[in-house]
């Protein structure tokens, strides 16, 4: 019985680590896409201004 309790305890810990890691990866990707989109938009706007001159 002690083995089962220890196993379940480590399994729960593993699940918590996976959830936290997955959330961090999802947030990182989402924030990076937003940053890249803003940079691309600014670059396109700068290029359009240069073309108009």
Protein backbone atom coordinates (compact mmCIF):
# COMPACT_ATOMS: atom_id res chain seq x y z
CA UNK A 1 0.00 0.00 0.00
CA UNK A 2 2.88 2.37 0.73
CA UNK A 3 4.24 1.76 -2.77
CA UNK A 4 0.91 2.69 -4.36
CA UNK A 5 0.67 5.87 -2.29
CA UNK A 6 4.24 6.85 -3.21
CA UNK A 7 3.61 6.07 -6.86
CA UNK A 8 0.41 8.12 -6.96
CA UNK A 9 2.15 10.99 -5.18
CA UNK A 10 4.92 11.11 -7.80
CA UNK A 11 2.38 10.67 -10.59
CA UNK A 12 0.43 13.68 -9.33
CA UNK A 13 3.67 15.68 -9.13
CA UNK A 14 4.52 14.69 -12.70
CA UNK A 15 1.07 15.80 -13.88
CA UNK A 16 1.50 19.16 -12.16
CA UNK A 17 4.91 19.66 -13.82
CA UNK A 18 3.49 18.75 -17.23
CA UNK A 19 0.58 21.17 -16.84
CA UNK A 20 2.84 24.02 -15.69
CA UNK A 21 5.33 23.32 -18.48
CA UNK A 22 2.61 23.10 -21.12
CA UNK A 23 1.09 26.36 -19.94
CA UNK A 24 4.48 28.07 -20.05
CA UNK A 25 5.15 26.82 -23.57
CA UNK A 26 1.70 27.90 -24.76
CA UNK A 27 2.12 31.37 -23.25
CA UNK A 28 5.62 31.73 -24.70
CA UNK A 29 4.49 30.83 -28.20
CA UNK A 30 1.45 33.12 -27.99
CA UNK A 31 3.47 36.09 -26.76
CA UNK A 32 6.18 35.52 -29.37
CA UNK A 33 3.63 35.42 -32.21
CA UNK A 34 2.18 38.72 -30.99
CA UNK A 35 5.61 40.32 -30.84
CA UNK A 36 6.51 39.05 -34.31
CA UNK A 37 3.22 40.32 -35.74
CA UNK A 38 3.81 43.79 -34.30
CA UNK A 39 7.36 43.87 -35.67
CA UNK A 40 6.21 42.72 -39.10
CA UNK A 41 3.47 45.35 -39.17
CA UNK A 42 5.92 48.10 -38.20
CA UNK A 43 8.39 46.91 -40.83
CA UNK A 44 5.71 46.89 -43.53
CA UNK A 45 4.61 50.38 -42.52
CA UNK A 46 8.19 51.65 -42.64
CA UNK A 47 8.68 50.11 -46.07
CA UNK A 48 5.45 51.71 -47.33
CA UNK A 49 6.62 55.11 -46.07
CA UNK A 50 9.94 54.70 -47.90
CA UNK A 51 8.17 53.78 -51.11
CA UNK A 52 5.97 56.89 -50.91
CA UNK A 53 9.00 59.20 -50.75
